[in-house]
Amino acid sequence: MSNDSQYHNGNNDKSIERNASNDLGQAHGLQDHTLREGHGSLQNPTLDASRVAPIDQGRRNLIRLSAAAGLGAALGLGQIGRASAQGSKVVRIGYQKYGTFVLLKAHGTLEKRLAAQGATVQWLEFPAGPQLLEGLNAGAIDLGTVGETPPIFAQAAGVNFVYIGNEPASPKAEAIVVPANSPIKTVADLRGKKVALNKGSNVHYLLVRALAAANLKYTDIQPIYLAPADARAAFEQNNIDAWVIWDPYFASIQNAGGKILIDGTGLVSNLQFYVSSRSYAEQSPALVHAVIDELRELDAWGKDNPAEVIRVLGPQTGLDPAVLDLAVKRFSYGVQLISPEVVAYQQSIADTFTDLKLIPRKLDVKQAQWKA
């Protein structure tokens, strides 16, 4: 697996995340080719680790959203793969430490629904969408949830998946943030600045669109490719000028005083997608539909019970209620099967990244649409 971050600060949590991600890639012979190909002159400067202070205990919970996830992925793949190989009817679901699948896992209602079909559920946690799609490609999971950009990079890399559903747009749930005392006032002020993002994540497209709206090219900034934990440390130590990030990391830095330069409103949809390996969706459509149906019921509950959503997510994420309150207000509910309009939107993202040479070839997103 590609290690986009060359930034190290000696923090144990980050070492776990980085090593676990590497173990995942090595165990399955995977490399994230698309994230390496075609980026030409884009720079990924190495930051000086000696300039970064240790992370205080109050922020370790957020860091562990990704660190523990990577470790779980690295250690769990063999056991889960063996269960599948033995022929048990198991639905293996990849999730991230925030979002609708976290609520579904906590509720336990999917397990009850699938038990009627003679199936059980296994949950496997991943730090972000690109890693989750690597797990899907490796055969470690059957279904998962990701943002709008990771599937584009995955399709370009040849991952054989299909989009099975999506939540409505939530453009306010991701943003470009700067320190409270930053002289940067507009996106145009980012020219020549160091801007951190998780490469291939949903915020990658936000950055591209925001720059274009400010008449800047991608090459007018210095993109720094960092996982959220590393980016948080760099942000707080003023080693980067801006950070493009999604909830709940966005809510956490906002609650800590980070200033919103711009969010996704009017620029991106920021869709949450549900994806499946093509073979699983074709062979087990009834189980896929059961998952979507259960998500639909959960969405109806979540929309009407925001306080309960915060209560459920609290122990799952370890985040402050104030942080979760910010994030949950930006949540979107209402899962639906993939529509032609959503396919067209994803195609526009793919075409944009092709033009920027961030992916090596033109894609036909319709080829990844599930024919339910």
Protein backbone atom coordinates (compact mmCIF):
# COMPACT_ATOMS: atom_id res chain seq x y z
CA MET A 1 0.00 0.00 0.00
CA SER A 2 1.19 3.48 -0.81
CA ASN A 3 2.37 5.43 2.21
CA ASP A 4 1.44 8.94 1.12
CA SER A 5 2.77 10.46 4.30
CA GLN A 6 6.51 11.01 4.73
CA TYR A 7 5.82 12.93 7.91
CA HIS A 8 6.89 11.34 11.19
CA ASN A 9 6.79 12.66 14.71
CA GLY A 10 7.54 9.56 16.74
CA ASN A 11 4.02 9.28 18.12
CA ASN A 12 3.18 5.64 18.82
CA ASP A 13 -0.39 5.93 17.53
CA LYS A 14 0.84 7.08 14.14
CA SER A 15 3.46 4.36 13.96
CA ILE A 16 0.74 1.77 14.53
CA GLU A 17 -1.42 3.26 11.79
CA ARG A 18 1.43 3.48 9.29
CA ASN A 19 2.84 0.01 9.98
CA ALA A 20 -0.57 -1.64 9.96
CA SER A 21 -1.37 -0.08 6.61
CA ASN A 22 1.92 -1.31 5.22
CA ASP A 23 1.26 -4.81 6.60
CA LEU A 24 -2.12 -4.84 4.88
CA GLY A 25 -0.58 -4.03 1.52
CA GLN A 26 2.31 -6.46 1.87
CA ALA A 27 0.10 -9.31 3.05
CA HIS A 28 -1.92 -9.15 -0.14
CA GLY A 29 0.71 -7.98 -2.60
CA LEU A 30 -1.11 -4.69 -3.09
CA GLN A 31 0.20 -1.36 -4.16
CA ASP A 32 -1.87 1.76 -4.73
CA HIS A 33 -0.64 2.26 -8.30
CA THR A 34 -3.15 4.94 -9.18
CA LEU A 35 -2.06 7.21 -6.38
CA ARG A 36 1.45 7.11 -7.79
CA GLU A 37 0.87 7.27 -11.51
CA GLY A 38 0.51 10.43 -13.50
CA HIS A 39 1.05 12.99 -10.76
CA GLY A 40 3.99 14.48 -12.64
CA SER A 41 5.54 17.37 -10.81
CA LEU A 42 3.26 17.38 -7.77
CA GLN A 43 5.37 17.73 -4.68
CA ASN A 44 5.16 15.87 -1.38
CA PRO A 45 7.73 17.70 0.79
CA THR A 46 9.15 15.88 3.79
CA LEU A 47 8.47 17.84 6.95
CA ASP A 48 10.93 18.10 9.79
CA ALA A 49 9.84 15.74 12.56
CA SER A 50 11.88 17.60 15.14
CA ARG A 51 9.52 20.59 14.85
CA VAL A 52 6.48 18.68 16.02
CA ALA A 53 5.55 18.42 19.68
CA PRO A 54 3.97 15.25 21.06
CA ILE A 55 0.19 14.96 20.79
CA ASP A 56 -1.53 15.56 24.12
CA GLN A 57 -3.76 12.90 25.64
CA GLY A 58 -6.93 14.89 24.96
CA ARG A 59 -6.55 14.31 21.21
CA ARG A 60 -5.49 10.68 21.21
CA ASN A 61 -9.05 9.43 20.82
CA LEU A 62 -9.36 11.18 17.48
CA ILE A 63 -5.98 9.91 16.32
CA ARG A 64 -7.01 6.38 17.22
CA LEU A 65 -9.95 6.64 14.85
CA SER A 66 -7.40 5.84 12.17
CA ALA A 67 -4.57 4.21 14.12
CA ALA A 68 -6.61 1.44 15.71
CA ALA A 69 -8.44 0.93 12.45
CA GLY A 70 -5.29 0.23 10.51
CA LEU A 71 -4.12 -2.20 13.17
CA GLY A 72 -7.46 -4.01 13.12
CA ALA A 73 -7.29 -4.34 9.37
CA ALA A 74 -3.79 -5.76 9.45
CA LEU A 75 -4.50 -8.30 12.15
CA GLY A 76 -7.99 -9.34 11.13
CA LEU A 77 -7.72 -10.18 7.43
CA GLY A 78 -6.41 -13.70 7.79
CA GLN A 79 -9.08 -14.84 10.24
CA ILE A 80 -11.90 -13.28 8.25
CA GLY A 81 -10.59 -14.68 5.00
CA ARG A 82 -10.47 -18.17 6.54
CA ALA A 83 -14.07 -17.91 7.75
CA SER A 84 -15.17 -17.05 4.23
CA ALA A 85 -13.09 -19.81 2.69
CA GLN A 86 -14.73 -22.38 4.96
CA GLY A 87 -18.04 -21.60 3.29
CA SER A 88 -19.88 -19.91 6.16
CA LYS A 89 -22.54 -17.40 5.07
CA VAL A 90 -20.87 -14.28 6.40
CA VAL A 91 -21.39 -10.71 5.23
CA ARG A 92 -18.07 -8.95 5.80
CA ILE A 93 -18.55 -5.18 6.06
CA GLY A 94 -15.78 -2.59 6.01
CA TYR A 95 -16.52 0.62 7.86
CA GLN A 96 -14.78 3.73 9.10
CA LYS A 97 -14.94 5.02 12.64
CA TYR A 98 -17.72 7.44 11.82
CA GLY A 99 -20.85 7.42 9.70
CA THR A 100 -23.96 5.38 9.12
CA PHE A 101 -22.30 1.97 9.32
CA VAL A 102 -21.03 2.83 12.81
CA LEU A 103 -24.62 3.48 13.88
CA LEU A 104 -25.80 0.29 12.19
CA LYS A 105 -23.11 -1.75 13.92
CA ALA A 106 -24.04 -0.28 17.30
CA HIS A 107 -27.75 -0.97 16.81
CA GLY A 108 -27.31 -4.65 15.96
CA THR A 109 -30.41 -4.66 13.76
CA LEU A 110 -28.60 -5.85 10.65
CA GLU A 111 -27.50 -8.99 12.48
CA LYS A 112 -31.11 -9.75 13.34
CA ARG A 113 -32.31 -9.20 9.77
CA LEU A 114 -29.61 -11.34 8.21
CA ALA A 115 -30.04 -14.11 10.75
CA ALA A 116 -33.42 -14.78 9.13
CA GLN A 117 -31.49 -15.48 5.92
CA GLY A 118 -29.00 -17.72 7.68
CA ALA A 119 -26.21 -15.16 7.56
CA THR A 120 -23.98 -13.49 10.11
CA VAL A 121 -22.11 -10.16 10.01
CA GLN A 122 -18.43 -9.43 10.53
CA TRP A 123 -17.27 -5.82 10.83
CA LEU A 124 -13.79 -4.71 9.79
CA GLU A 125 -12.62 -1.19 10.52
CA PHE A 126 -10.46 0.90 8.15
CA PRO A 127 -8.86 4.34 8.63
CA ALA A 128 -10.14 5.83 5.35
CA GLY A 129 -11.74 5.07 2.00
CA PRO A 130 -8.60 4.27 -0.01
CA GLN A 131 -7.54 1.62 2.52
CA LEU A 132 -11.05 0.18 2.65
CA LEU A 133 -11.10 -0.23 -1.12
CA GLU A 134 -7.74 -1.98 -0.92
CA GLY A 135 -9.35 -4.38 1.52
CA LEU A 136 -12.20 -4.92 -0.93
CA ASN A 137 -9.71 -5.56 -3.70
CA ALA A 138 -7.85 -8.04 -1.49
CA GLY A 139 -11.05 -10.02 -0.83
CA ALA A 140 -11.05 -9.10 2.87
CA ILE A 141 -14.54 -7.55 2.80
CA ASP A 142 -17.70 -7.82 0.73
CA LEU A 143 -19.23 -4.40 1.33
CA GLY A 144 -18.01 -1.04 2.56
CA THR A 145 -18.61 2.69 2.74
CA VAL A 146 -16.41 5.42 1.23
CA GLY A 147 -16.57 9.03 0.07
CA GLU A 148 -16.96 10.19 -3.50
CA THR A 149 -13.31 10.31 -4.57
CA PRO A 150 -11.79 6.98 -3.42
CA PRO A 151 -13.92 4.93 -5.86
CA ILE A 152 -12.57 6.99 -8.75
CA PHE A 153 -8.97 6.15 -7.87
CA ALA A 154 -9.96 2.53 -7.21
CA GLN A 155 -11.66 2.13 -10.58
CA ALA A 156 -8.62 3.63 -12.29
CA ALA A 157 -6.46 1.08 -10.46
CA GLY A 158 -8.63 -1.79 -11.73
CA VAL A 159 -10.47 -2.65 -8.50
CA ASN A 160 -13.51 -4.72 -9.52
CA PHE A 161 -16.25 -3.10 -7.43
CA VAL A 162 -19.74 -1.67 -7.93
CA TYR A 163 -21.57 1.26 -6.39
CA ILE A 164 -24.65 -0.12 -4.63
CA GLY A 165 -26.07 3.00 -2.97
CA ASN A 166 -25.39 6.46 -1.60
CA GLU A 167 -26.50 8.91 1.05
CA PRO A 168 -27.61 12.44 0.03
CA ALA A 169 -25.16 15.28 -0.39
CA SER A 170 -23.46 16.74 2.69
CA PRO A 171 -21.21 19.51 1.34
CA LYS A 172 -20.85 21.23 4.72
CA ALA A 173 -19.25 18.12 6.22
CA GLU A 174 -15.84 18.84 4.66
CA ALA A 175 -13.82 22.02 4.45
CA ILE A 176 -10.51 23.77 4.01
CA VAL A 177 -9.44 25.05 7.42
CA VAL A 178 -6.61 27.33 8.51
CA PRO A 179 -5.25 28.23 11.97
CA ALA A 180 -7.20 30.88 13.86
CA ASN A 181 -4.35 33.39 13.56
CA SER A 182 -3.62 32.67 9.89
CA PRO A 183 -3.29 35.64 7.51
CA ILE A 184 -4.97 33.52 4.82
CA LYS A 185 -8.44 34.95 4.20
CA THR A 186 -9.50 33.44 0.87
CA VAL A 187 -8.71 30.39 -1.24
CA ALA A 188 -6.76 32.68 -3.59
CA ASP A 189 -4.34 33.28 -0.70
CA LEU A 190 -3.32 29.61 -0.88
CA ARG A 191 -1.03 30.26 -3.85
CA GLY A 192 2.38 28.82 -2.99
CA LYS A 193 1.14 27.53 0.37
CA LYS A 194 1.41 24.06 1.91
CA VAL A 195 -2.02 22.43 1.90
CA ALA A 196 -2.46 19.06 3.62
CA LEU A 197 -4.94 16.41 2.51
CA ASN A 198 -5.33 12.66 2.48
CA LYS A 199 -4.57 11.80 -1.13
CA GLY A 200 -7.39 10.05 -2.96
CA SER A 201 -9.92 10.83 -0.19
CA ASN A 202 -13.21 12.68 -0.63
CA VAL A 203 -11.60 16.05 0.12
CA HIS A 204 -9.23 15.72 -2.84
CA TYR A 205 -12.01 16.81 -5.18
CA LEU A 206 -13.03 19.65 -2.86
CA LEU A 207 -9.52 21.07 -3.04
CA VAL A 208 -9.43 20.84 -6.83
CA ARG A 209 -12.81 22.54 -7.18
CA ALA A 210 -12.03 25.26 -4.64
CA LEU A 211 -8.77 26.12 -6.38
CA ALA A 212 -10.45 26.28 -9.78
CA ALA A 213 -13.15 28.59 -8.41
CA ALA A 214 -10.37 30.90 -7.17
CA ASN A 215 -8.62 30.80 -10.58
CA LEU A 216 -5.76 28.73 -9.20
CA LYS A 217 -4.25 25.61 -10.68
CA TYR A 218 -3.44 22.54 -8.63
CA THR A 219 0.24 23.23 -9.33
CA ASP A 220 -0.12 26.70 -7.76
CA ILE A 221 -0.09 25.14 -4.27
CA GLN A 222 2.16 22.67 -2.47
CA PRO A 223 -0.03 19.63 -1.70
CA ILE A 224 1.17 17.72 1.36
CA TYR A 225 -0.27 14.21 1.43
CA LEU A 226 -0.93 13.27 5.06
CA ALA A 227 -3.31 10.99 6.91
CA PRO A 228 -5.61 12.88 9.31
CA ALA A 229 -3.55 12.12 12.43
CA ASP A 230 -0.36 13.45 10.87
CA ALA A 231 -2.14 16.43 9.34
CA ARG A 232 -3.60 17.40 12.72
CA ALA A 233 -0.13 17.47 14.26
CA ALA A 234 1.29 19.47 11.35
CA PHE A 235 -1.61 21.91 11.52
CA GLU A 236 -1.19 22.56 15.23
CA GLN A 237 2.55 23.09 14.87
CA ASN A 238 2.11 25.47 11.92
CA ASN A 239 4.05 23.20 9.58
CA ILE A 240 1.27 23.48 7.00
CA ASP A 241 -0.77 26.50 5.99
CA ALA A 242 -4.13 24.82 5.45
CA TRP A 243 -5.83 21.46 5.90
CA VAL A 244 -8.56 19.94 3.73
CA ILE A 245 -10.50 17.58 5.96
CA TRP A 246 -13.82 15.85 6.62
CA ASP A 247 -15.95 15.14 9.68
CA PRO A 248 -15.39 14.22 12.45
CA TYR A 249 -11.79 15.43 12.11
CA PHE A 250 -13.15 18.68 10.67
CA ALA A 251 -15.52 19.14 13.61
CA SER A 252 -12.70 18.41 16.05
CA ILE A 253 -10.32 21.01 14.64
CA GLN A 254 -13.18 23.51 14.29
CA ASN A 255 -14.06 22.97 17.95
CA ALA A 256 -10.39 23.55 18.82
CA GLY A 257 -10.42 26.95 17.10
CA GLY A 258 -9.58 26.16 13.48
CA LYS A 259 -11.01 28.70 11.03
CA ILE A 260 -13.12 27.59 8.08
CA LEU A 261 -11.73 29.04 4.87
CA ILE A 262 -14.43 27.40 2.73
CA ASP A 263 -16.61 24.32 2.93
CA GLY A 264 -18.02 22.24 0.10
CA THR A 265 -21.19 24.29 -0.40
CA GLY A 266 -21.62 25.11 -4.07
CA LEU A 267 -18.49 23.19 -5.00
CA VAL A 268 -19.01 19.49 -4.28
CA SER A 269 -21.78 17.13 -3.20
CA ASN A 270 -19.65 15.09 -0.78
CA LEU A 271 -21.60 11.86 -1.17
CA GLN A 272 -21.20 8.83 1.06
CA PHE A 273 -21.20 5.68 -1.07
CA TYR A 274 -21.83 2.04 -0.30
CA VAL A 275 -19.76 -0.27 -2.47
CA SER A 276 -19.43 -4.00 -2.98
CA SER A 277 -17.13 -6.31 -4.84
CA ARG A 278 -18.77 -7.01 -8.18
CA SER A 279 -18.73 -10.76 -7.62
CA TYR A 280 -20.43 -10.47 -4.22
CA ALA A 281 -23.19 -8.17 -5.49
CA GLU A 282 -23.88 -10.49 -8.42
CA GLN A 283 -23.86 -13.66 -6.32
CA SER A 284 -25.70 -12.35 -3.22
CA PRO A 285 -28.13 -9.61 -4.35
CA ALA A 286 -30.67 -10.49 -1.63
CA LEU A 287 -28.09 -9.88 1.09
CA VAL A 288 -27.00 -6.61 -0.52
CA HIS A 289 -30.60 -5.43 -0.67
CA ALA A 290 -31.06 -6.44 2.97
CA VAL A 291 -28.17 -4.19 3.97
CA ILE A 292 -29.58 -1.27 1.97
CA ASP A 293 -33.04 -1.80 3.48
CA GLU A 294 -31.61 -1.80 6.98
CA LEU A 295 -29.65 1.37 6.25
CA ARG A 296 -32.85 3.00 4.99
CA GLU A 297 -34.61 2.24 8.29
CA LEU A 298 -31.61 3.45 10.29
CA ASP A 299 -31.49 6.70 8.31
CA ALA A 300 -35.14 7.40 9.14
CA TRP A 301 -34.36 6.86 12.83
CA GLY A 302 -31.20 8.98 12.75
CA LYS A 303 -32.87 11.91 11.02
CA ASP A 304 -35.51 12.08 13.74
CA ASN A 305 -33.18 11.45 16.69
CA PRO A 306 -29.98 13.55 16.44
CA ALA A 307 -29.42 13.51 20.19
CA GLU A 308 -29.57 9.72 20.20
CA VAL A 309 -27.12 9.62 17.28
CA ILE A 310 -24.65 11.63 19.37
CA ARG A 311 -25.22 9.34 22.34
CA VAL A 312 -24.54 6.22 20.25
CA LEU A 313 -21.50 7.66 18.48
CA GLY A 314 -19.89 8.89 21.71
CA PRO A 315 -18.59 5.54 23.01
CA GLN A 316 -17.95 4.33 19.45
CA THR A 317 -15.63 7.23 18.62
CA GLY A 318 -14.43 8.53 21.99
CA LEU A 319 -15.14 12.08 20.80
CA ASP A 320 -16.43 14.98 22.84
CA PRO A 321 -20.20 15.60 22.65
CA ALA A 322 -19.46 19.14 21.43
CA VAL A 323 -17.45 17.75 18.49
CA LEU A 324 -20.11 15.18 17.67
CA ASP A 325 -22.81 17.84 17.85
CA LEU A 326 -21.02 19.85 15.15
CA ALA A 327 -20.51 16.79 12.97
CA VAL A 328 -23.98 15.27 13.37
CA LYS A 329 -25.62 18.56 12.35
CA ARG A 330 -23.87 18.13 8.99
CA PHE A 331 -24.90 14.48 8.60
CA SER A 332 -27.15 13.50 5.70
CA TYR A 333 -29.74 10.73 5.74
CA GLY A 334 -31.72 8.96 3.04
CA VAL A 335 -29.87 6.07 1.37
CA GLN A 336 -30.88 5.40 -2.23
CA LEU A 337 -29.76 3.19 -5.07
CA ILE A 338 -27.36 4.78 -7.55
CA SER A 339 -29.15 7.09 -9.98
CA PRO A 340 -28.03 8.31 -13.44
CA GLU A 341 -27.50 11.76 -11.92
CA VAL A 342 -25.08 10.36 -9.34
CA VAL A 343 -23.24 8.41 -12.04
CA ALA A 344 -22.89 11.64 -14.05
CA TYR A 345 -21.54 13.44 -10.98
CA GLN A 346 -18.96 10.73 -10.37
CA GLN A 347 -18.03 10.87 -14.06
CA SER A 348 -17.32 14.58 -13.71
CA ILE A 349 -14.92 13.84 -10.84
CA ALA A 350 -13.19 11.14 -12.88
CA ASP A 351 -12.83 13.44 -15.88
CA THR A 352 -11.40 16.19 -13.69
CA PHE A 353 -8.74 13.90 -12.25
CA THR A 354 -7.92 12.55 -15.71
CA ASP A 355 -7.39 16.10 -16.97
CA LEU A 356 -5.11 16.80 -14.00
CA LYS A 357 -3.22 13.55 -14.68
CA LEU A 358 -3.97 12.38 -11.15
CA ILE A 359 -5.33 9.19 -12.68
CA PRO A 360 -3.70 7.67 -15.77
CA ARG A 361 -6.70 7.06 -18.03
CA LYS A 362 -10.26 8.09 -18.78
CA LEU A 363 -12.91 6.13 -16.90
CA ASP A 364 -16.45 5.07 -17.68
CA VAL A 365 -18.13 5.24 -14.27
CA LYS A 366 -21.27 3.51 -15.59
CA GLN A 367 -19.23 0.31 -15.72
CA ALA A 368 -19.14 0.37 -11.91
CA GLN A 369 -22.88 0.88 -11.40
CA TRP A 370 -24.69 -2.06 -9.84
CA LYS A 371 -27.58 -3.32 -11.96
CA ALA A 372 -29.77 -4.13 -8.96
